[in-house]
Amino acid sequence: MPLRHLTPRDQHLFRLYGHGPAVPVPDPLIHHAVERQALASPHAVAAEHLGATITYGELDRYADALAARLTREGVRPGDHVGLFVRRSIPMLVGLLGILKAGAAYVPQDVALAPPAQLAHVVRAARTAVVLTLMEHAHRVPRTPGHRLIALDEPMPYVPAPRRPTEPRVTRPAVRPDDGCYVLFTSGTTGRPNGVKVTHRNVANILLTEPGGLGIRPGDRVAQLLNIAFDMAAWEILGCLAHGGTLVIRGKDIAATARTATVLIATPTVLSGVDPASCPRVRTVAVAGEPCPRPLADRWARRAAFFNCCGPTETTIVNTMSRHDPAAPLLTIGRPTPNNTVYVLDADRRPLPVGEVGEMWAGGDCVSAGYLGDDRLNAERYALDPFLGGDHRMFRTRDLGRWTPDGDLVHLGRTDDQVKVRGFRVELDSVSSVLESVEGCVRAVTLKQDARTLVSFVSPADVDPDAARRAVADALPYYCVPSKVLPLAFLPETDRGKIDKPALLRLVERRTAVAR
């Protein structure tokens, strides 16, 4: 029995806290939910972008025509189709058309991803077809046997009326465990890895609450994020599956946010938006990196604010918490429906409530695994001894602990727990103290060498001496950064997270100049 080392009370709490509610999912195929919206409200606006709009009926028809084209090109259920695009309405036609054809979409921002990465994605995902826009076709790698389809030629797949004698196209049979999308992790520690996420995974988080974020017809959901980032699937499919209007941004994130009722973002992206300028926003969800408490409090006073957590491999997020500014802690909440979270020790044994361990995720959120990497699959995925059968669990590499009330406190990544002068330091704990300093909006702390921590704070008028004193007052001496560098803004990756390698390069340049 995997729980026998725990006291009876902790065995009970392990099950009570670690298991999300068992909830039926309306449809395990996410594009069917979009089709239902098109059938119910064909004239409702599905999306808008820079003044252009598309209705649900138009989107459904264009996607049907594209799906038929893909089927003629030989695309079958189980295949992967590249979606190398920029934010646009044709992007939505391509995404939905791929799903209707029974394939999984493989998204990349064609203007931001370097050529070598696009070539790697094509090889690793074995995409026989890549969809793009005409102006970006020259950036798509051309390999033998691959076909390129421009989504805006003709403009854009306007279906011809079906003749009465023409038979309807038979739709491919798609199963819940077939792929919905393949996301490539950022590759900050090496070559990007493709993660195959299934329809069952996606429908489970987007078609149940709180993952559905209460989105309904009439809502305006901002589409702010890079399509290659899994939170963009939350924006896009989460909106379209519930009948909202997707507001696809141009260059100005804040301008798009001002017209929205629902925002989904990383804390870094959200920190650039003033809540006072967004009176229509009623729901906000953040994930992807730790959220500063002041940012959460500021938004939670105006809207329902969800602090969430979960890597790509556990399908967007697998824990959520609606934050109350009066709460003593900012937590990541509890497992979402039909999912589990376990806090385990190094031997994968459950820890008592309150003890810090590594979080493992189980249930319907667990993705199908990495493409073509058996070694990494064996390292990160394992049979779930707590659910039994053929259920699997995933090693998130996030540290956490349960509160007495059954909420999870996120304590950083295992790889953010570093040793400095022989002492173990949690970098996020240092950053959290810095973000409590007056005027500090964002902070990040990094290990520069075996003896040195360096912190970066924003905006540029934060007092670095006051920031160091705050850490010294709150944490042991070995946690105090040797330098606190105020910056006007912290650099971002193309996925809207803080760019830590760029910050380390900045320190190296400043150190070299000082010499």
Protein backbone atom coordinates (compact mmCIF):
# COMPACT_ATOMS: atom_id res chain seq x y z
CA MET A 1 0.00 0.00 0.00
CA PRO A 2 1.69 3.28 -1.11
CA LEU A 3 0.24 5.24 1.85
CA ARG A 4 0.97 2.89 4.73
CA HIS A 5 3.84 5.01 6.09
CA LEU A 6 1.44 7.92 6.68
CA THR A 7 -0.74 8.36 9.73
CA PRO A 8 -4.46 7.62 9.20
CA ARG A 9 -5.13 11.37 9.27
CA ASP A 10 -2.56 12.11 6.57
CA GLN A 11 -3.81 9.21 4.47
CA HIS A 12 -7.26 10.79 4.61
CA LEU A 13 -5.93 14.26 3.74
CA PHE A 14 -3.82 12.85 0.90
CA ARG A 15 -7.00 11.71 -0.80
CA LEU A 16 -9.12 14.68 0.24
CA TYR A 17 -6.71 17.40 -0.83
CA GLY A 18 -4.95 15.66 -3.70
CA HIS A 19 -7.96 14.63 -5.77
CA GLY A 20 -9.93 17.15 -7.79
CA PRO A 21 -13.69 16.69 -8.12
CA ALA A 22 -14.97 14.00 -10.48
CA VAL A 23 -16.93 15.94 -13.09
CA PRO A 24 -18.44 14.82 -16.43
CA VAL A 25 -16.94 16.49 -19.52
CA PRO A 26 -19.61 17.58 -22.04
CA ASP A 27 -17.57 16.42 -25.05
CA PRO A 28 -14.07 14.95 -25.14
CA LEU A 29 -13.46 16.49 -28.61
CA ILE A 30 -12.82 20.19 -28.18
CA HIS A 31 -13.71 21.23 -31.75
CA HIS A 32 -17.19 19.72 -31.34
CA ALA A 33 -17.84 22.34 -28.66
CA VAL A 34 -16.89 25.06 -31.18
CA GLU A 35 -19.18 23.49 -33.77
CA ARG A 36 -22.07 23.59 -31.30
CA GLN A 37 -21.55 27.33 -30.87
CA ALA A 38 -21.57 27.79 -34.66
CA LEU A 39 -24.82 25.84 -34.89
CA ALA A 40 -26.47 27.76 -32.04
CA SER A 41 -25.30 31.27 -33.00
CA PRO A 42 -23.93 31.33 -36.57
CA HIS A 43 -24.09 35.14 -36.80
CA ALA A 44 -22.28 35.82 -33.52
CA VAL A 45 -18.79 37.28 -33.90
CA ALA A 46 -16.22 34.57 -33.17
CA ALA A 47 -13.13 36.77 -33.50
CA GLU A 48 -11.91 40.22 -34.41
CA HIS A 49 -8.48 41.43 -35.41
CA LEU A 50 -7.45 44.96 -36.42
CA GLY A 51 -10.97 45.82 -37.54
CA ALA A 52 -11.71 42.55 -39.38
CA THR A 53 -14.25 40.08 -37.97
CA ILE A 54 -15.44 36.54 -38.60
CA THR A 55 -18.68 34.99 -37.39
CA TYR A 56 -19.03 31.52 -35.92
CA GLY A 57 -20.87 30.35 -39.02
CA GLU A 58 -18.14 31.65 -41.33
CA LEU A 59 -15.37 30.20 -39.20
CA ASP A 60 -17.06 26.80 -39.18
CA ARG A 61 -17.60 26.78 -42.95
CA TYR A 62 -14.08 27.91 -43.78
CA ALA A 63 -12.63 25.33 -41.39
CA ASP A 64 -14.80 22.60 -42.94
CA ALA A 65 -13.50 23.50 -46.39
CA LEU A 66 -9.91 23.48 -45.14
CA ALA A 67 -10.45 20.11 -43.44
CA ALA A 68 -11.69 18.71 -46.77
CA ARG A 69 -8.59 20.09 -48.49
CA LEU A 70 -6.32 18.54 -45.87
CA THR A 71 -8.08 15.20 -46.25
CA ARG A 72 -7.51 15.36 -50.02
CA GLU A 73 -3.83 16.04 -49.28
CA GLY A 74 -3.70 12.77 -47.36
CA VAL A 75 -3.97 14.08 -43.79
CA ARG A 76 -5.46 11.43 -41.50
CA PRO A 77 -6.33 11.12 -37.78
CA GLY A 78 -3.12 10.81 -35.80
CA ASP A 79 -1.15 13.04 -38.18
CA HIS A 80 0.51 16.32 -37.23
CA VAL A 81 0.00 19.48 -39.30
CA GLY A 82 2.21 22.52 -38.89
CA LEU A 83 0.49 25.83 -38.14
CA PHE A 84 3.26 28.36 -38.79
CA VAL A 85 1.43 31.67 -38.55
CA ARG A 86 1.12 35.02 -36.82
CA ARG A 87 -1.88 36.17 -34.80
CA SER A 88 -4.71 36.52 -37.30
CA ILE A 89 -8.16 35.31 -38.26
CA PRO A 90 -6.68 32.81 -40.79
CA MET A 91 -4.76 31.36 -37.81
CA LEU A 92 -8.13 30.34 -36.32
CA VAL A 93 -9.34 28.84 -39.60
CA GLY A 94 -6.14 26.80 -39.80
CA LEU A 95 -6.32 25.60 -36.20
CA LEU A 96 -9.96 24.52 -36.41
CA GLY A 97 -9.55 23.02 -39.88
CA ILE A 98 -6.70 20.82 -38.68
CA LEU A 99 -8.79 19.54 -35.77
CA LYS A 100 -11.76 18.86 -38.06
CA ALA A 101 -9.46 16.81 -40.31
CA GLY A 102 -8.62 14.66 -37.29
CA ALA A 103 -5.00 15.83 -36.99
CA ALA A 104 -3.12 17.64 -34.25
CA TYR A 105 -1.93 21.17 -34.90
CA VAL A 106 1.73 22.07 -34.31
CA PRO A 107 1.88 25.84 -33.71
CA GLN A 108 4.83 28.15 -34.22
CA ASP A 109 5.02 31.92 -34.53
CA VAL A 110 6.56 31.97 -37.99
CA ALA A 111 8.02 35.47 -37.60
CA LEU A 112 9.65 34.90 -34.21
CA ALA A 113 10.88 31.30 -34.31
CA PRO A 114 14.39 31.02 -35.78
CA PRO A 115 14.77 28.96 -38.98
CA ALA A 116 16.65 26.19 -37.15
CA GLN A 117 13.79 25.80 -34.68
CA LEU A 118 11.17 25.62 -37.44
CA ALA A 119 13.24 22.95 -39.20
CA HIS A 120 13.56 21.00 -35.93
CA VAL A 121 9.80 21.17 -35.37
CA VAL A 122 9.07 19.91 -38.89
CA ARG A 123 11.45 16.96 -38.40
CA ALA A 124 10.45 16.06 -34.85
CA ALA A 125 6.68 16.32 -35.42
CA ARG A 126 6.88 14.75 -38.90
CA THR A 127 4.52 17.33 -40.33
CA ALA A 128 3.63 16.31 -43.88
CA VAL A 129 1.67 19.55 -44.36
CA VAL A 130 2.40 23.05 -43.04
CA LEU A 131 -0.16 25.86 -43.06
CA THR A 132 1.07 29.44 -43.19
CA LEU A 133 0.30 32.84 -44.72
CA MET A 134 1.59 33.87 -48.13
CA GLU A 135 3.84 36.63 -46.76
CA HIS A 136 5.62 34.12 -44.49
CA ALA A 137 5.85 31.18 -46.88
CA HIS A 138 9.53 31.88 -47.56
CA ARG A 139 10.34 31.24 -43.89
CA VAL A 140 8.86 27.74 -43.82
CA PRO A 141 11.49 24.99 -44.26
CA ARG A 142 11.01 23.08 -47.52
CA THR A 143 11.77 19.39 -47.20
CA PRO A 144 11.04 16.57 -49.66
CA GLY A 145 7.50 15.24 -49.41
CA HIS A 146 6.19 18.24 -47.49
CA ARG A 147 3.31 20.36 -48.75
CA LEU A 148 2.78 24.02 -47.98
CA ILE A 149 -0.72 25.52 -47.93
CA ALA A 150 -1.24 29.29 -47.69
CA LEU A 151 -4.28 30.02 -45.54
CA ASP A 152 -4.97 33.30 -47.33
CA GLU A 153 -4.90 31.93 -50.88
CA PRO A 154 -7.69 31.86 -51.95
CA MET A 155 -9.09 34.30 -49.44
CA PRO A 156 -9.60 32.31 -47.25
CA TYR A 157 -11.09 28.98 -48.35
CA VAL A 158 -14.53 30.36 -49.11
CA PRO A 159 -16.52 27.16 -49.62
CA ALA A 160 -18.56 26.83 -52.79
CA PRO A 161 -22.24 26.06 -52.27
CA ARG A 162 -22.86 22.33 -52.15
CA ARG A 163 -24.91 21.03 -55.06
CA PRO A 164 -27.99 18.99 -54.09
CA THR A 165 -26.53 15.87 -55.72
CA GLU A 166 -23.13 16.28 -54.08
CA PRO A 167 -22.63 13.92 -51.12
CA ARG A 168 -21.58 15.32 -47.80
CA VAL A 169 -17.93 14.82 -46.92
CA THR A 170 -17.51 12.05 -44.38
CA ARG A 171 -15.72 13.40 -41.31
CA PRO A 172 -12.79 11.36 -39.99
CA ALA A 173 -13.34 9.41 -36.79
CA VAL A 174 -11.40 11.16 -34.04
CA ARG A 175 -10.93 9.55 -30.64
CA PRO A 176 -10.53 11.38 -27.32
CA ASP A 177 -6.97 10.08 -26.96
CA ASP A 178 -5.93 11.34 -30.40
CA GLY A 179 -3.70 14.38 -30.47
CA CYS A 180 -5.17 17.88 -30.28
CA TYR A 181 -1.89 19.79 -30.48
CA VAL A 182 1.86 19.28 -30.20
CA LEU A 183 3.60 21.97 -28.18
CA PHE A 184 7.35 22.41 -28.19
CA THR A 185 8.81 23.45 -24.87
CA SER A 186 10.94 26.57 -24.89
CA GLY A 187 14.22 24.66 -25.04
CA THR A 188 16.00 26.93 -22.55
CA THR A 189 17.94 23.92 -21.26
CA GLY A 190 18.56 22.31 -24.64
CA ARG A 191 16.73 21.32 -27.78
CA PRO A 192 12.95 21.95 -27.68
CA ASN A 193 10.89 18.86 -26.88
CA GLY A 194 7.54 18.19 -28.55
CA VAL A 195 4.72 17.34 -26.13
CA LYS A 196 1.65 15.57 -27.53
CA VAL A 197 -1.55 16.80 -25.86
CA THR A 198 -4.80 14.94 -26.52
CA HIS A 199 -8.40 16.01 -26.96
CA ARG A 200 -9.25 14.37 -23.65
CA ASN A 201 -6.58 16.46 -21.95
CA VAL A 202 -7.77 19.74 -23.48
CA ALA A 203 -11.52 19.20 -23.14
CA ASN A 204 -11.09 18.27 -19.49
CA ILE A 205 -9.59 21.63 -18.52
CA LEU A 206 -11.50 23.91 -20.92
CA LEU A 207 -15.00 22.39 -20.69
CA THR A 208 -15.17 22.16 -16.89
CA GLU A 209 -14.98 24.85 -14.23
CA PRO A 210 -12.99 26.69 -13.09
CA GLY A 211 -10.89 26.08 -16.24
CA GLY A 212 -13.73 27.37 -18.42
CA LEU A 213 -13.42 30.70 -16.53
CA GLY A 214 -17.17 31.14 -16.82
CA ILE A 215 -16.77 32.33 -20.43
CA ARG A 216 -20.11 32.73 -22.18
CA PRO A 217 -21.58 34.40 -25.29
CA GLY A 218 -21.04 38.14 -25.05
CA ASP A 219 -17.66 37.82 -23.35
CA ARG A 220 -14.60 39.27 -25.03
CA VAL A 221 -11.50 37.15 -24.45
CA ALA A 222 -8.17 38.81 -25.21
CA GLN A 223 -5.75 36.78 -27.35
CA LEU A 224 -2.43 38.15 -26.11
CA LEU A 225 -0.01 35.22 -26.14
CA ASN A 226 2.27 33.52 -28.65
CA ILE A 227 0.46 30.64 -30.38
CA ALA A 228 3.46 28.38 -29.65
CA PHE A 229 2.74 28.77 -25.91
CA ASP A 230 0.12 26.39 -24.48
CA MET A 231 -1.72 29.19 -22.68
CA ALA A 232 -2.69 30.51 -26.13
CA ALA A 233 -4.80 27.35 -26.51
CA TRP A 234 -6.60 28.42 -23.32
CA GLU A 235 -7.33 31.81 -24.85
CA ILE A 236 -8.36 30.53 -28.29
CA LEU A 237 -10.15 27.24 -27.66
CA GLY A 238 -11.42 28.32 -24.25
CA CYS A 239 -13.14 31.29 -25.87
CA LEU A 240 -14.49 29.58 -29.00
CA ALA A 241 -15.77 26.52 -27.13
CA HIS A 242 -17.98 28.76 -24.98
CA GLY A 243 -19.24 31.20 -27.59
CA GLY A 244 -17.22 34.29 -26.68
CA THR A 245 -15.54 36.75 -29.04
CA LEU A 246 -11.77 36.34 -29.33
CA VAL A 247 -10.07 39.74 -29.49
CA ILE A 248 -6.78 39.10 -31.29
CA ARG A 249 -4.25 41.74 -30.40
CA GLY A 250 -2.02 43.78 -32.65
CA LYS A 251 1.15 45.34 -31.25
CA ASP A 252 -0.56 47.04 -28.29
CA ILE A 253 -1.33 44.53 -25.55
CA ALA A 254 -2.83 47.11 -23.20
CA ALA A 255 -5.21 48.44 -25.89
CA THR A 256 -6.60 44.94 -26.45
CA ALA A 257 -6.91 44.29 -22.71
CA ARG A 258 -8.94 47.48 -22.27
CA THR A 259 -11.74 46.10 -24.47
CA ALA A 260 -11.80 42.60 -22.93
CA THR A 261 -13.87 40.97 -20.21
CA VAL A 262 -11.51 37.97 -19.74
CA LEU A 263 -7.70 38.05 -19.59
CA ILE A 264 -5.40 35.01 -19.62
CA ALA A 265 -1.72 35.89 -19.31
CA THR A 266 1.61 35.31 -17.68
CA PRO A 267 2.34 37.57 -14.71
CA THR A 268 5.02 39.31 -16.80
CA VAL A 269 2.51 40.20 -19.53
CA LEU A 270 -0.19 41.16 -17.02
CA SER A 271 2.19 43.46 -15.13
CA GLY A 272 2.25 45.71 -18.21
CA VAL A 273 -1.52 46.29 -18.02
CA ASP A 274 -3.10 48.80 -15.62
CA PRO A 275 -6.21 47.32 -13.94
CA ALA A 276 -7.72 50.80 -13.65
CA SER A 277 -7.78 51.06 -17.46
CA CYS A 278 -9.71 47.77 -17.81
CA PRO A 279 -13.12 48.41 -16.22
CA ARG A 280 -14.82 45.65 -18.28
CA VAL A 281 -12.50 42.86 -17.14
CA ARG A 282 -14.37 40.48 -14.82
CA THR A 283 -12.04 37.44 -14.87
CA VAL A 284 -8.25 37.13 -14.95
CA ALA A 285 -6.13 33.96 -14.95
CA VAL A 286 -2.34 33.85 -14.72
CA ALA A 287 0.10 30.95 -15.04
CA GLY A 288 3.46 30.12 -16.56
CA GLU A 289 5.63 31.62 -13.82
CA PRO A 290 5.25 32.64 -10.16
CA CYS A 291 2.85 35.53 -9.65
CA PRO A 292 3.93 38.45 -7.43
CA ARG A 293 1.54 38.90 -4.53
CA PRO A 294 1.09 42.66 -5.16
CA LEU A 295 0.04 41.97 -8.75
CA ALA A 296 -2.48 39.35 -7.63
CA ASP A 297 -3.91 41.65 -4.97
CA ARG A 298 -4.22 44.59 -7.35
CA TRP A 299 -6.28 42.61 -9.88
CA ALA A 300 -8.23 40.56 -7.34
CA ARG A 301 -9.72 43.77 -5.94
CA ARG A 302 -11.35 44.41 -9.33
CA ALA A 303 -12.04 40.98 -10.85
CA ALA A 304 -12.16 37.26 -10.19
CA PHE A 305 -8.44 36.48 -10.17
CA PHE A 306 -7.20 32.90 -10.63
CA ASN A 307 -3.62 32.01 -9.79
CA CYS A 308 -2.82 28.78 -11.64
CA CYS A 309 0.01 26.34 -12.15
CA GLY A 310 0.93 23.48 -14.46
CA PRO A 311 3.53 22.74 -17.13
CA THR A 312 2.75 22.02 -20.78
CA GLU A 313 2.90 18.30 -20.02
CA THR A 314 -0.12 18.58 -17.69
CA THR A 315 -2.25 20.49 -20.21
CA ILE A 316 -2.14 24.25 -19.63
CA VAL A 317 -2.81 24.21 -15.86
CA ASN A 318 -3.78 21.48 -13.41
CA THR A 319 -4.26 23.58 -10.26
CA MET A 320 -6.26 26.80 -9.84
CA SER A 321 -7.04 29.15 -6.97
CA ARG A 322 -9.36 32.14 -6.90
CA HIS A 323 -7.34 34.65 -4.92
CA ASP A 324 -8.76 36.75 -2.10
CA PRO A 325 -6.66 39.86 -1.28
CA ALA A 326 -7.45 39.28 2.40
CA ALA A 327 -6.00 35.73 2.33
CA PRO A 328 -2.79 35.17 4.29
CA LEU A 329 -1.14 33.36 1.35
CA LEU A 330 -1.20 33.46 -2.42
CA THR A 331 -1.59 29.78 -3.32
CA ILE A 332 -2.04 27.80 -6.53
CA GLY A 333 -5.16 26.20 -5.09
CA ARG A 334 -6.29 22.64 -5.65
CA PRO A 335 -6.38 20.12 -8.48
CA THR A 336 -8.78 20.91 -11.30
CA PRO A 337 -11.61 18.42 -12.05
CA ASN A 338 -10.66 14.81 -12.81
CA ASN A 339 -7.03 15.53 -11.87
CA THR A 340 -4.77 14.79 -8.93
CA VAL A 341 -1.69 16.34 -7.35
CA TYR A 342 0.71 14.50 -5.06
CA VAL A 343 3.49 16.03 -2.94
CA LEU A 344 6.16 13.33 -2.90
CA ASP A 345 9.67 12.83 -1.55
CA ALA A 346 12.71 11.75 -3.57
CA ASP A 347 11.54 8.11 -3.36
CA ARG A 348 8.08 9.06 -4.69
CA ARG A 349 6.45 8.52 -1.30
CA PRO A 350 3.65 10.87 -0.19
CA LEU A 351 4.64 13.47 2.38
CA PRO A 352 2.47 14.59 5.31
CA VAL A 353 0.53 17.82 4.99
CA GLY A 354 2.83 20.81 5.51
CA GLU A 355 6.07 19.17 4.37
CA VAL A 356 7.83 20.41 1.24
CA GLY A 357 8.22 17.99 -1.65
CA GLU A 358 8.02 17.69 -5.40
CA MET A 359 4.61 17.92 -7.02
CA TRP A 360 3.51 15.08 -9.31
CA ALA A 361 0.34 15.40 -11.39
CA GLY A 362 -2.11 12.64 -12.25
CA GLY A 363 -5.50 12.18 -13.87
CA ASP A 364 -6.90 13.39 -17.19
CA CYS A 365 -4.40 16.26 -17.43
CA VAL A 366 -1.41 13.97 -18.08
CA SER A 367 -0.38 14.35 -21.71
CA ALA A 368 0.62 11.56 -24.09
CA GLY A 369 4.33 12.27 -23.68
CA TYR A 370 7.33 13.57 -25.59
CA LEU A 371 7.74 12.82 -29.27
CA GLY A 372 10.51 10.37 -29.98
CA ASP A 373 12.26 10.58 -26.61
CA ASP A 374 11.85 7.36 -24.65
CA ARG A 375 14.56 8.33 -22.16
CA LEU A 376 12.85 11.59 -21.22
CA ASN A 377 9.44 9.92 -21.10
CA ALA A 378 10.80 7.34 -18.65
CA GLU A 379 12.32 10.11 -16.53
CA ARG A 380 9.28 12.36 -16.32
CA TYR A 381 6.24 10.04 -16.67
CA ALA A 382 5.49 7.04 -14.46
CA LEU A 383 2.64 4.67 -13.67
CA ASP A 384 0.39 6.22 -11.03
CA PRO A 385 0.34 3.88 -8.00
CA PHE A 386 -2.37 5.97 -6.33
CA LEU A 387 -4.95 5.82 -9.13
CA GLY A 388 -3.77 2.39 -10.28
CA GLY A 389 -4.52 0.62 -13.54
CA ASP A 390 -2.89 2.20 -16.58
CA HIS A 391 -3.10 5.74 -15.18
CA ARG A 392 0.12 7.72 -15.39
CA MET A 393 1.49 10.63 -13.42
CA PHE A 394 3.93 13.37 -14.41
CA ARG A 395 6.89 14.80 -12.49
CA THR A 396 6.40 18.57 -12.64
CA ARG A 397 9.74 19.50 -10.99
CA ASP A 398 7.81 22.11 -8.98
CA LEU A 399 8.23 22.24 -5.22
CA GLY A 400 5.18 22.66 -3.05
CA ARG A 401 3.42 21.92 0.21
CA TRP A 402 -0.17 21.59 1.35
CA THR A 403 -1.57 24.17 3.75
CA PRO A 404 -3.70 22.87 6.65
CA ASP A 405 -6.75 24.04 4.67
CA GLY A 406 -5.83 21.97 1.62
CA ASP A 407 -4.34 24.53 -0.76
CA LEU A 408 -1.02 24.16 -2.52
CA VAL A 409 1.76 26.66 -1.95
CA HIS A 410 4.18 26.82 -4.88
CA LEU A 411 7.78 27.04 -3.69
CA GLY A 412 9.63 27.32 -6.98
CA ARG A 413 11.22 24.87 -9.34
CA THR A 414 13.56 22.14 -8.23
CA ASP A 415 16.13 23.69 -10.58
CA ASP A 416 15.53 27.10 -8.92
CA GLN A 417 16.56 25.63 -5.59
CA VAL A 418 20.30 26.32 -5.71
CA LYS A 419 23.27 26.08 -3.40
CA VAL A 420 25.17 29.24 -2.52
CA ARG A 421 28.20 28.98 -0.21
CA GLY A 422 26.99 25.49 0.64
CA PHE A 423 23.51 26.63 1.70
CA ARG A 424 20.32 25.76 -0.14
CA VAL A 425 18.43 28.81 -1.40
CA GLU A 426 15.02 29.02 -3.05
CA LEU A 427 15.40 31.81 -5.60
CA ASP A 428 11.68 32.54 -5.78
CA SER A 429 11.61 33.18 -2.02
CA VAL A 430 14.18 35.96 -2.47
CA SER A 431 12.22 37.45 -5.37
CA SER A 432 9.01 37.32 -3.34
CA VAL A 433 10.57 39.46 -0.61
CA LEU A 434 11.86 41.95 -3.18
CA GLU A 435 8.38 42.27 -4.68
CA SER A 436 7.11 43.37 -1.27
CA VAL A 437 9.42 46.41 -1.36
CA GLU A 438 7.62 49.70 -1.96
CA GLY A 439 7.45 50.52 -5.66
CA CYS A 440 8.72 47.14 -6.88
CA VAL A 441 6.47 45.60 -9.51
CA ARG A 442 8.55 42.60 -10.64
CA ALA A 443 11.68 40.89 -9.37
CA VAL A 444 13.79 37.90 -10.32
CA THR A 445 16.80 36.39 -8.58
CA LEU A 446 19.48 34.29 -10.26
CA LYS A 447 22.61 32.44 -9.23
CA GLN A 448 25.61 34.15 -10.81
CA ASP A 449 28.28 31.79 -9.47
CA ALA A 450 28.92 29.43 -6.53
CA ARG A 451 29.01 32.31 -4.03
CA THR A 452 26.85 34.98 -5.58
CA LEU A 453 23.18 35.77 -6.08
CA VAL A 454 22.08 38.70 -8.21
CA SER A 455 18.59 40.18 -8.28
CA PHE A 456 16.82 42.37 -10.81
CA VAL A 457 13.91 44.63 -9.92
CA SER A 458 11.57 46.80 -11.94
CA PRO A 459 10.88 49.67 -12.42
CA ALA A 460 14.21 51.49 -12.50
CA ASP A 461 13.45 53.79 -9.54
CA VAL A 462 13.35 50.96 -6.97
CA ASP A 463 15.96 51.67 -4.28
CA PRO A 464 18.50 48.80 -4.51
CA ASP A 465 19.83 49.38 -0.99
CA ALA A 466 16.33 49.24 0.49
CA ALA A 467 15.70 46.09 -1.52
CA ARG A 468 18.82 44.35 -0.15
CA ARG A 469 17.89 45.41 3.40
CA ALA A 470 14.42 43.92 2.99
CA VAL A 471 15.94 40.55 2.05
CA ALA A 472 18.43 40.76 4.93
CA ASP A 473 15.59 41.46 7.38
CA ALA A 474 13.48 38.55 6.13
CA LEU A 475 15.88 35.76 5.13
CA PRO A 476 19.25 34.28 6.23
CA TYR A 477 22.39 36.16 5.22
CA TYR A 478 23.27 33.71 2.45
CA CYS A 479 20.02 34.61 0.67
CA VAL A 480 20.93 38.29 0.35
CA PRO A 481 21.88 39.14 -3.25
CA SER A 482 25.28 40.69 -3.75
CA LYS A 483 23.73 43.08 -6.25
CA VAL A 484 20.23 44.39 -6.88
CA LEU A 485 19.96 45.91 -10.35
CA PRO A 486 16.96 48.17 -11.02
CA LEU A 487 15.75 48.09 -14.63
CA ALA A 488 13.04 50.02 -16.42
CA PHE A 489 11.60 46.67 -17.51
CA LEU A 490 12.63 43.04 -17.29
CA PRO A 491 13.29 41.41 -20.69
CA GLU A 492 10.68 38.93 -21.88
CA THR A 493 10.84 35.75 -23.92
CA ASP A 494 8.52 35.41 -26.90
CA ARG A 495 6.20 33.45 -24.58
CA GLY A 496 5.71 36.33 -22.20
CA LYS A 497 7.95 35.12 -19.38
CA ILE A 498 11.01 36.78 -17.84
CA ASP A 499 14.07 36.06 -20.00
CA LYS A 500 16.57 34.83 -17.40
CA PRO A 501 19.45 34.07 -19.82
CA ALA A 502 19.20 37.65 -21.10
CA LEU A 503 19.51 38.95 -17.54
CA LEU A 504 22.61 36.85 -16.88
CA ARG A 505 24.17 38.16 -20.10
CA LEU A 506 23.43 41.70 -18.88
CA VAL A 507 25.30 41.01 -15.62
CA GLU A 508 28.25 39.56 -17.53
CA ARG A 509 28.46 42.64 -19.75
CA ARG A 510 28.31 45.02 -16.78
CA THR A 511 30.94 43.00 -14.93
CA ALA A 512 33.24 43.07 -17.97
CA VAL A 513 32.85 46.84 -18.32
CA ALA A 514 33.58 47.32 -14.61
CA ARG A 515 36.85 45.46 -15.01
